[in-house]
Amino acid sequence: MLEGKAMVEDTDMPVKMQLQAMSAASKALDRFDVLDCRSIAAHIKKEFDTIHGPGWQCVVGASFGCYFTHSKGSFIYFKLGALRFLVFKGAA
């Protein structure tokens, strides 16, 4: 269990939601192989869709680039173990 060892690099989420994102990531890493980034991301996205309503996106990997628009108060980018996690709710 890697919970509590995440390092937030950037966020505008409320603290409670940040903790939920890191907890979901930790649970996903316990459940899936660290190389199965797609399943890890799907697990986190589904958990956030269930808790906070639909429209969440999640990107997981050791290295990636991105550019996106998000709803205010719904973005976190953090590192846990060797992976980086980007969770956000999309906006038009």
PDB file of N, CA and C in Angstrom:
ATOM      1  N   MET A   1       0.852  -1.186   0.000  1.00  0.00           N
ATOM      2  CA  MET A   1       0.000   0.000   0.000  1.00  0.00           C
ATOM      3  C   MET A   1       0.888   1.236   0.000  1.00  0.00           C
ATOM      4  N   LEU A   2       0.693   2.102  -0.985  1.00  0.00           N
ATOM      5  CA  LEU A   2       1.513   3.300  -1.120  1.00  0.00           C
ATOM      6  C   LEU A   2       0.809   4.547  -0.603  1.00  0.00           C
ATOM      7  N   GLU A   3      -0.362   4.372  -0.012  1.00  0.00           N
ATOM      8  CA  GLU A   3      -1.148   5.507   0.464  1.00  0.00           C
ATOM      9  C   GLU A   3      -0.325   6.368   1.419  1.00  0.00           C
ATOM     10  N   GLY A   4      -0.397   7.677   1.247  1.00  0.00           N
ATOM     11  CA  GLY A   4       0.349   8.594   2.098  1.00  0.00           C
ATOM     12  C   GLY A   4       1.724   8.929   1.551  1.00  0.00           C
ATOM     13  N   LYS A   5       2.129   8.267   0.468  1.00  0.00           N
ATOM     14  CA  LYS A   5       3.446   8.504  -0.101  1.00  0.00           C
ATOM     15  C   LYS A   5       3.383   9.254  -1.420  1.00  0.00           C
ATOM     16  N   ALA A   6       2.219   9.754  -1.764  1.00  0.00           N
ATOM     17  CA  ALA A   6       2.055  10.513  -3.004  1.00  0.00           C
ATOM     18  C   ALA A   6       2.616  11.915  -2.826  1.00  0.00           C
ATOM     19  N   MET A   7       3.118  12.458  -3.925  1.00  0.00           N
ATOM     20  CA  MET A   7       3.630  13.820  -3.911  1.00  0.00           C
ATOM     21  C   MET A   7       2.828  14.644  -4.923  1.00  0.00           C
ATOM     22  N   VAL A   8       2.040  15.577  -4.429  1.00  0.00           N
ATOM     23  CA  VAL A   8       1.229  16.432  -5.293  1.00  0.00           C
ATOM     24  C   VAL A   8       2.142  17.451  -5.953  1.00  0.00           C
ATOM     25  N   GLU A   9       2.052  17.536  -7.273  1.00  0.00           N
ATOM     26  CA  GLU A   9       2.867  18.490  -8.013  1.00  0.00           C
ATOM     27  C   GLU A   9       2.080  19.742  -8.375  1.00  0.00           C
ATOM     28  N   ASP A  10       0.770  19.582  -8.609  1.00  0.00           N
ATOM     29  CA  ASP A  10      -0.079  20.737  -8.906  1.00  0.00           C
ATOM     30  C   ASP A  10      -1.532  20.323  -8.695  1.00  0.00           C
ATOM     31  N   THR A  11      -2.338  21.243  -8.192  1.00  0.00           N
ATOM     32  CA  THR A  11      -3.742  20.941  -7.964  1.00  0.00           C
ATOM     33  C   THR A  11      -4.532  22.216  -7.718  1.00  0.00           C
ATOM     34  N   ASP A  12      -5.827  22.135  -7.968  1.00  0.00           N
ATOM     35  CA  ASP A  12      -6.752  23.178  -7.508  1.00  0.00           C
ATOM     36  C   ASP A  12      -7.957  22.519  -6.831  1.00  0.00           C
ATOM     37  N   MET A  13      -7.829  21.219  -6.529  1.00  0.00           N
ATOM     38  CA  MET A  13      -8.891  20.465  -5.854  1.00  0.00           C
ATOM     39  C   MET A  13      -8.936  20.783  -4.372  1.00  0.00           C
ATOM     40  N   PRO A  14     -10.118  20.657  -3.770  1.00  0.00           N
ATOM     41  CA  PRO A  14     -10.193  20.715  -2.309  1.00  0.00           C
ATOM     42  C   PRO A  14      -9.403  19.537  -1.715  1.00  0.00           C
ATOM     43  N   VAL A  15      -8.898  19.697  -0.510  1.00  0.00           N
ATOM     44  CA  VAL A  15      -8.047  18.694   0.125  1.00  0.00           C
ATOM     45  C   VAL A  15      -8.747  17.335   0.207  1.00  0.00           C
ATOM     46  N   LYS A  16     -10.014  17.312   0.567  1.00  0.00           N
ATOM     47  CA  LYS A  16     -10.737  16.044   0.683  1.00  0.00           C
ATOM     48  C   LYS A  16     -10.725  15.284  -0.648  1.00  0.00           C
ATOM     49  N   MET A  17     -10.931  15.989  -1.746  1.00  0.00           N
ATOM     50  CA  MET A  17     -10.940  15.364  -3.069  1.00  0.00           C
ATOM     51  C   MET A  17      -9.531  14.903  -3.462  1.00  0.00           C
ATOM     52  N   GLN A  18      -8.511  15.680  -3.078  1.00  0.00           N
ATOM     53  CA  GLN A  18      -7.131  15.267  -3.333  1.00  0.00           C
ATOM     54  C   GLN A  18      -6.839  13.929  -2.662  1.00  0.00           C
ATOM     55  N   LEU A  19      -7.269  13.807  -1.408  1.00  0.00           N
ATOM     56  CA  LEU A  19      -7.053  12.568  -0.661  1.00  0.00           C
ATOM     57  C   LEU A  19      -7.793  11.396  -1.311  1.00  0.00           C
ATOM     58  N   GLN A  20      -8.989  11.664  -1.852  1.00  0.00           N
ATOM     59  CA  GLN A  20      -9.735  10.617  -2.554  1.00  0.00           C
ATOM     60  C   GLN A  20      -8.992  10.168  -3.815  1.00  0.00           C
ATOM     61  N   ALA A  21      -8.409  11.117  -4.543  1.00  0.00           N
ATOM     62  CA  ALA A  21      -7.666  10.787  -5.763  1.00  0.00           C
ATOM     63  C   ALA A  21      -6.449   9.928  -5.438  1.00  0.00           C
ATOM     64  N   MET A  22      -5.715  10.309  -4.404  1.00  0.00           N
ATOM     65  CA  MET A  22      -4.525   9.551  -4.041  1.00  0.00           C
ATOM     66  C   MET A  22      -4.884   8.178  -3.476  1.00  0.00           C
ATOM     67  N   SER A  23      -5.976   8.104  -2.752  1.00  0.00           N
ATOM     68  CA  SER A  23      -6.452   6.821  -2.220  1.00  0.00           C
ATOM     69  C   SER A  23      -6.887   5.896  -3.363  1.00  0.00           C
ATOM     70  N   ALA A  24      -7.611   6.440  -4.327  1.00  0.00           N
ATOM     71  CA  ALA A  24      -8.048   5.650  -5.485  1.00  0.00           C
ATOM     72  C   ALA A  24      -6.842   5.132  -6.265  1.00  0.00           C
ATOM     73  N   ALA A  25      -5.816   5.966  -6.412  1.00  0.00           N
ATOM     74  CA  ALA A  25      -4.600   5.547  -7.109  1.00  0.00           C
ATOM     75  C   ALA A  25      -3.898   4.427  -6.349  1.00  0.00           C
ATOM     76  N   SER A  26      -3.812   4.564  -5.045  1.00  0.00           N
ATOM     77  CA  SER A  26      -3.172   3.545  -4.223  1.00  0.00           C
ATOM     78  C   SER A  26      -3.919   2.216  -4.318  1.00  0.00           C
ATOM     79  N   LYS A  27      -5.243   2.269  -4.256  1.00  0.00           N
ATOM     80  CA  LYS A  27      -6.055   1.052  -4.382  1.00  0.00           C
ATOM     81  C   LYS A  27      -5.860   0.412  -5.756  1.00  0.00           C
ATOM     82  N   ALA A  28      -5.812   1.235  -6.800  1.00  0.00           N
ATOM     83  CA  ALA A  28      -5.622   0.719  -8.156  1.00  0.00           C
ATOM     84  C   ALA A  28      -4.259   0.045  -8.296  1.00  0.00           C
ATOM     85  N   LEU A  29      -3.231   0.614  -7.673  1.00  0.00           N
ATOM     86  CA  LEU A  29      -1.895   0.011  -7.735  1.00  0.00           C
ATOM     87  C   LEU A  29      -1.844  -1.305  -6.973  1.00  0.00           C
ATOM     88  N   ASP A  30      -2.651  -1.429  -5.927  1.00  0.00           N
ATOM     89  CA  ASP A  30      -2.739  -2.699  -5.204  1.00  0.00           C
ATOM     90  C   ASP A  30      -3.453  -3.758  -6.041  1.00  0.00           C
ATOM     91  N   ARG A  31      -4.366  -3.308  -6.882  1.00  0.00           N
ATOM     92  CA  ARG A  31      -5.229  -4.218  -7.638  1.00  0.00           C
ATOM     93  C   ARG A  31      -4.647  -4.632  -8.991  1.00  0.00           C
ATOM     94  N   PHE A  32      -3.934  -3.715  -9.649  1.00  0.00           N
ATOM     95  CA  PHE A  32      -3.438  -3.962 -11.006  1.00  0.00           C
ATOM     96  C   PHE A  32      -1.915  -3.911 -11.054  1.00  0.00           C
ATOM     97  N   ASP A  33      -1.353  -4.553 -12.064  1.00  0.00           N
ATOM     98  CA  ASP A  33       0.086  -4.500 -12.309  1.00  0.00           C
ATOM     99  C   ASP A  33       0.482  -3.061 -12.629  1.00  0.00           C
ATOM    100  N   VAL A  34       1.625  -2.634 -12.145  1.00  0.00           N
ATOM    101  CA  VAL A  34       2.076  -1.251 -12.345  1.00  0.00           C
ATOM    102  C   VAL A  34       2.229  -0.903 -13.830  1.00  0.00           C
ATOM    103  N   LEU A  35       2.408  -1.899 -14.692  1.00  0.00           N
ATOM    104  CA  LEU A  35       2.535  -1.656 -16.128  1.00  0.00           C
ATOM    105  C   LEU A  35       1.175  -1.523 -16.822  1.00  0.00           C
ATOM    106  N   ASP A  36       0.097  -1.855 -16.123  1.00  0.00           N
ATOM    107  CA  ASP A  36      -1.252  -1.790 -16.696  1.00  0.00           C
ATOM    108  C   ASP A  36      -1.878  -0.420 -16.413  1.00  0.00           C
ATOM    109  N   CYS A  37      -1.270   0.612 -16.990  1.00  0.00           N
ATOM    110  CA  CYS A  37      -1.708   1.994 -16.736  1.00  0.00           C
ATOM    111  C   CYS A  37      -3.146   2.242 -17.170  1.00  0.00           C
ATOM    112  N   ARG A  38      -3.576   1.563 -18.212  1.00  0.00           N
ATOM    113  CA  ARG A  38      -4.945   1.760 -18.703  1.00  0.00           C
ATOM    114  C   ARG A  38      -5.972   1.305 -17.655  1.00  0.00           C
ATOM    115  N   SER A  39      -5.754   0.141 -17.053  1.00  0.00           N
ATOM    116  CA  SER A  39      -6.675  -0.352 -16.023  1.00  0.00           C
ATOM    117  C   SER A  39      -6.627   0.512 -14.768  1.00  0.00           C
ATOM    118  N   ILE A  40      -5.448   0.983 -14.429  1.00  0.00           N
ATOM    119  CA  ILE A  40      -5.287   1.862 -13.265  1.00  0.00           C
ATOM    120  C   ILE A  40      -6.086   3.148 -13.482  1.00  0.00           C
ATOM    121  N   ALA A  41      -5.915   3.752 -14.667  1.00  0.00           N
ATOM    122  CA  ALA A  41      -6.636   4.985 -14.993  1.00  0.00           C
ATOM    123  C   ALA A  41      -8.146   4.756 -15.020  1.00  0.00           C
ATOM    124  N   ALA A  42      -8.589   3.634 -15.581  1.00  0.00           N
ATOM    125  CA  ALA A  42     -10.021   3.332 -15.649  1.00  0.00           C
ATOM    126  C   ALA A  42     -10.604   3.184 -14.249  1.00  0.00           C
ATOM    127  N   HIS A  43      -9.864   2.540 -13.357  1.00  0.00           N
ATOM    128  CA  HIS A  43     -10.325   2.361 -11.973  1.00  0.00           C
ATOM    129  C   HIS A  43     -10.543   3.718 -11.293  1.00  0.00           C
ATOM    130  N   ILE A  44      -9.577   4.609 -11.428  1.00  0.00           N
ATOM    131  CA  ILE A  44      -9.662   5.935 -10.797  1.00  0.00           C
ATOM    132  C   ILE A  44     -10.806   6.742 -11.410  1.00  0.00           C
ATOM    133  N   LYS A  45     -10.910   6.732 -12.737  1.00  0.00           N
ATOM    134  CA  LYS A  45     -11.984   7.469 -13.417  1.00  0.00           C
ATOM    135  C   LYS A  45     -13.357   6.989 -12.963  1.00  0.00           C
ATOM    136  N   LYS A  46     -13.552   5.668 -12.916  1.00  0.00           N
ATOM    137  CA  LYS A  46     -14.845   5.116 -12.510  1.00  0.00           C
ATOM    138  C   LYS A  46     -15.178   5.486 -11.070  1.00  0.00           C
ATOM    139  N   GLU A  47     -14.177   5.463 -10.195  1.00  0.00           N
ATOM    140  CA  GLU A  47     -14.422   5.832  -8.799  1.00  0.00           C
ATOM    141  C   GLU A  47     -14.851   7.297  -8.689  1.00  0.00           C
ATOM    142  N   PHE A  48     -14.170   8.186  -9.434  1.00  0.00           N
ATOM    143  CA  PHE A  48     -14.534   9.604  -9.391  1.00  0.00           C
ATOM    144  C   PHE A  48     -15.890   9.867 -10.053  1.00  0.00           C
ATOM    145  N   ASP A  49     -16.193   9.152 -11.138  1.00  0.00           N
ATOM    146  CA  ASP A  49     -17.515   9.292 -11.756  1.00  0.00           C
ATOM    147  C   ASP A  49     -18.611   8.891 -10.770  1.00  0.00           C
ATOM    148  N   THR A  50     -18.370   7.834  -9.999  1.00  0.00           N
ATOM    149  CA  THR A  50     -19.350   7.360  -9.030  1.00  0.00           C
ATOM    150  C   THR A  50     -19.536   8.350  -7.883  1.00  0.00           C
ATOM    151  N   ILE A  51     -18.430   8.853  -7.347  1.00  0.00           N
ATOM    152  CA  ILE A  51     -18.485   9.740  -6.180  1.00  0.00           C
ATOM    153  C   ILE A  51     -18.906  11.160  -6.552  1.00  0.00           C
ATOM    154  N   HIS A  52     -18.361  11.693  -7.656  1.00  0.00           N
ATOM    155  CA  HIS A  52     -18.519  13.116  -7.980  1.00  0.00           C
ATOM    156  C   HIS A  52     -19.308  13.391  -9.264  1.00  0.00           C
ATOM    157  N   GLY A  53     -19.930  12.377  -9.843  1.00  0.00           N
ATOM    158  CA  GLY A  53     -20.698  12.568 -11.067  1.00  0.00           C
ATOM    159  C   GLY A  53     -19.840  12.347 -12.304  1.00  0.00           C
ATOM    160  N   PRO A  54     -20.483  12.159 -13.466  1.00  0.00           N
ATOM    161  CA  PRO A  54     -19.754  11.828 -14.696  1.00  0.00           C
ATOM    162  C   PRO A  54     -18.915  12.983 -15.238  1.00  0.00           C
ATOM    163  N   GLY A  55     -17.997  12.619 -16.120  1.00  0.00           N
ATOM    164  CA  GLY A  55     -17.191  13.616 -16.822  1.00  0.00           C
ATOM    165  C   GLY A  55     -15.726  13.651 -16.407  1.00  0.00           C
ATOM    166  N   TRP A  56     -15.306  12.742 -15.522  1.00  0.00           N
ATOM    167  CA  TRP A  56     -13.915  12.728 -15.059  1.00  0.00           C
ATOM    168  C   TRP A  56     -13.013  12.044 -16.067  1.00  0.00           C
ATOM    169  N   GLN A  57     -11.776  12.499 -16.102  1.00  0.00           N
ATOM    170  CA  GLN A  57     -10.748  11.938 -16.977  1.00  0.00           C
ATOM    171  C   GLN A  57      -9.538  11.593 -16.120  1.00  0.00           C
ATOM    172  N   CYS A  58      -8.789  10.576 -16.544  1.00  0.00           N
ATOM    173  CA  CYS A  58      -7.603  10.177 -15.800  1.00  0.00           C
ATOM    174  C   CYS A  58      -6.533   9.710 -16.777  1.00  0.00           C
ATOM    175  N   VAL A  59      -5.315  10.178 -16.570  1.00  0.00           N
ATOM    176  CA  VAL A  59      -4.161   9.767 -17.353  1.00  0.00           C
ATOM    177  C   VAL A  59      -3.126   9.254 -16.370  1.00  0.00           C
ATOM    178  N   VAL A  60      -2.550   8.084 -16.669  1.00  0.00           N
ATOM    179  CA  VAL A  60      -1.554   7.478 -15.790  1.00  0.00           C
ATOM    180  C   VAL A  60      -0.387   7.001 -16.634  1.00  0.00           C
ATOM    181  N   GLY A  61       0.823   7.273 -16.176  1.00  0.00           N
ATOM    182  CA  GLY A  61       2.001   6.780 -16.878  1.00  0.00           C
ATOM    183  C   GLY A  61       3.276   7.315 -16.274  1.00  0.00           C
ATOM    184  N   ALA A  62       4.383   6.788 -16.741  1.00  0.00           N
ATOM    185  CA  ALA A  62       5.682   7.235 -16.264  1.00  0.00           C
ATOM    186  C   ALA A  62       6.095   8.527 -16.972  1.00  0.00           C
ATOM    187  N   SER A  63       5.595   8.717 -18.186  1.00  0.00           N
ATOM    188  CA  SER A  63       5.947   9.899 -18.959  1.00  0.00           C
ATOM    189  C   SER A  63       4.835  10.180 -19.969  1.00  0.00           C
ATOM    190  N   PHE A  64       4.290  11.373 -19.928  1.00  0.00           N
ATOM    191  CA  PHE A  64       3.276  11.760 -20.903  1.00  0.00           C
ATOM    192  C   PHE A  64       3.193  13.277 -20.964  1.00  0.00           C
ATOM    193  N   GLY A  65       2.688  13.769 -22.058  1.00  0.00           N
ATOM    194  CA  GLY A  65       2.425  15.192 -22.210  1.00  0.00           C
ATOM    195  C   GLY A  65       0.933  15.376 -22.439  1.00  0.00           C
ATOM    196  N   CYS A  66       0.417  16.521 -22.063  1.00  0.00           N
ATOM    197  CA  CYS A  66      -1.004  16.757 -22.271  1.00  0.00           C
ATOM    198  C   CYS A  66      -1.289  18.253 -22.253  1.00  0.00           C
ATOM    199  N   TYR A  67      -2.445  18.577 -22.754  1.00  0.00           N
ATOM    200  CA  TYR A  67      -2.939  19.946 -22.744  1.00  0.00           C
ATOM    201  C   TYR A  67      -4.452  19.832 -22.693  1.00  0.00           C
ATOM    202  N   PHE A  68      -5.103  20.430 -21.709  1.00  0.00           N
ATOM    203  CA  PHE A  68      -6.533  20.226 -21.523  1.00  0.00           C
ATOM    204  C   PHE A  68      -7.159  21.417 -20.820  1.00  0.00           C
ATOM    205  N   THR A  69      -8.479  21.456 -20.854  1.00  0.00           N
ATOM    206  CA  THR A  69      -9.271  22.437 -20.124  1.00  0.00           C
ATOM    207  C   THR A  69     -10.067  21.679 -19.079  1.00  0.00           C
ATOM    208  N   HIS A  70     -10.052  22.189 -17.848  1.00  0.00           N
ATOM    209  CA  HIS A  70     -10.752  21.483 -16.775  1.00  0.00           C
ATOM    210  C   HIS A  70     -11.694  22.424 -16.034  1.00  0.00           C
ATOM    211  N   SER A  71     -12.662  21.813 -15.357  1.00  0.00           N
ATOM    212  CA  SER A  71     -13.570  22.580 -14.513  1.00  0.00           C
ATOM    213  C   SER A  71     -12.812  23.055 -13.283  1.00  0.00           C
ATOM    214  N   LYS A  72     -13.091  24.267 -12.850  1.00  0.00           N
ATOM    215  CA  LYS A  72     -12.423  24.835 -11.681  1.00  0.00           C
ATOM    216  C   LYS A  72     -12.623  23.936 -10.451  1.00  0.00           C
ATOM    217  N   GLY A  73     -11.529  23.688  -9.739  1.00  0.00           N
ATOM    218  CA  GLY A  73     -11.590  22.885  -8.520  1.00  0.00           C
ATOM    219  C   GLY A  73     -11.603  21.389  -8.759  1.00  0.00           C
ATOM    220  N   SER A  74     -11.188  20.964  -9.959  1.00  0.00           N
ATOM    221  CA  SER A  74     -11.289  19.536 -10.279  1.00  0.00           C
ATOM    222  C   SER A  74     -10.009  18.943 -10.869  1.00  0.00           C
ATOM    223  N   PHE A  75      -8.872  19.521 -10.586  1.00  0.00           N
ATOM    224  CA  PHE A  75      -7.629  19.087 -11.218  1.00  0.00           C
ATOM    225  C   PHE A  75      -6.585  18.704 -10.169  1.00  0.00           C
ATOM    226  N   ILE A  76      -5.915  17.562 -10.398  1.00  0.00           N
ATOM    227  CA  ILE A  76      -4.769  17.184  -9.579  1.00  0.00           C
ATOM    228  C   ILE A  76      -3.761  16.433 -10.447  1.00  0.00           C
ATOM    229  N   TYR A  77      -2.501  16.725 -10.212  1.00  0.00           N
ATOM    230  CA  TYR A  77      -1.390  16.039 -10.866  1.00  0.00           C
ATOM    231  C   TYR A  77      -0.427  15.632  -9.752  1.00  0.00           C
ATOM    232  N   PHE A  78      -0.221  14.326  -9.602  1.00  0.00           N
ATOM    233  CA  PHE A  78       0.635  13.854  -8.520  1.00  0.00           C
ATOM    234  C   PHE A  78       1.441  12.641  -8.939  1.00  0.00           C
ATOM    235  N   LYS A  79       2.467  12.362  -8.150  1.00  0.00           N
ATOM    236  CA  LYS A  79       3.355  11.227  -8.371  1.00  0.00           C
ATOM    237  C   LYS A  79       3.153  10.238  -7.233  1.00  0.00           C
ATOM    238  N   LEU A  80       3.082   8.969  -7.587  1.00  0.00           N
ATOM    239  CA  LEU A  80       2.964   7.906  -6.597  1.00  0.00           C
ATOM    240  C   LEU A  80       3.798   6.738  -7.102  1.00  0.00           C
ATOM    241  N   GLY A  81       4.830   6.391  -6.378  1.00  0.00           N
ATOM    242  CA  GLY A  81       5.755   5.379  -6.870  1.00  0.00           C
ATOM    243  C   GLY A  81       6.438   5.891  -8.122  1.00  0.00           C
ATOM    244  N   ALA A  82       6.507   5.053  -9.138  1.00  0.00           N
ATOM    245  CA  ALA A  82       7.166   5.429 -10.395  1.00  0.00           C
ATOM    246  C   ALA A  82       6.216   6.091 -11.384  1.00  0.00           C
ATOM    247  N   LEU A  83       4.937   6.184 -11.032  1.00  0.00           N
ATOM    248  CA  LEU A  83       3.936   6.701 -11.966  1.00  0.00           C
ATOM    249  C   LEU A  83       3.469   8.101 -11.613  1.00  0.00           C
ATOM    250  N   ARG A  84       2.981   8.777 -12.632  1.00  0.00           N
ATOM    251  CA  ARG A  84       2.361  10.093 -12.467  1.00  0.00           C
ATOM    252  C   ARG A  84       0.883   9.961 -12.811  1.00  0.00           C
ATOM    253  N   PHE A  85       0.068  10.733 -12.107  1.00  0.00           N
ATOM    254  CA  PHE A  85      -1.380  10.653 -12.237  1.00  0.00           C
ATOM    255  C   PHE A  85      -1.946  12.034 -12.504  1.00  0.00           C
ATOM    256  N   LEU A  86      -2.791  12.129 -13.496  1.00  0.00           N
ATOM    257  CA  LEU A  86      -3.506  13.356 -13.819  1.00  0.00           C
ATOM    258  C   LEU A  86      -4.993  13.017 -13.769  1.00  0.00           C
ATOM    259  N   VAL A  87      -5.714  13.681 -12.877  1.00  0.00           N
ATOM    260  CA  VAL A  87      -7.153  13.466 -12.735  1.00  0.00           C
ATOM    261  C   VAL A  87      -7.819  14.829 -12.856  1.00  0.00           C
ATOM    262  N   PHE A  88      -8.852  14.920 -13.691  1.00  0.00           N
ATOM    263  CA  PHE A  88      -9.547  16.194 -13.856  1.00  0.00           C
ATOM    264  C   PHE A  88     -10.931  15.964 -14.428  1.00  0.00           C
ATOM    265  N   LYS A  89     -11.788  16.925 -14.217  1.00  0.00           N
ATOM    266  CA  LYS A  89     -13.122  16.908 -14.823  1.00  0.00           C
ATOM    267  C   LYS A  89     -13.079  17.849 -16.018  1.00  0.00           C
ATOM    268  N   GLY A  90     -13.433  17.349 -17.165  1.00  0.00           N
ATOM    269  CA  GLY A  90     -13.365  18.130 -18.386  1.00  0.00           C
ATOM    270  C   GLY A  90     -14.323  19.317 -18.397  1.00  0.00           C
ATOM    271  N   ALA A  91     -13.990  20.323 -19.192  1.00  0.00           N
ATOM    272  CA  ALA A  91     -14.826  21.500 -19.362  1.00  0.00           C
ATOM    273  C   ALA A  91     -14.796  21.902 -20.826  1.00  0.00           C
ATOM    274  N   ALA A  92     -15.876  22.529 -21.275  1.00  0.00           N
ATOM    275  CA  ALA A  92     -15.964  22.970 -22.677  1.00  0.00           C
ATOM    276  C   ALA A  92     -15.256  24.293 -22.849  1.00  0.00           C
TER     277      ALA A  92
END
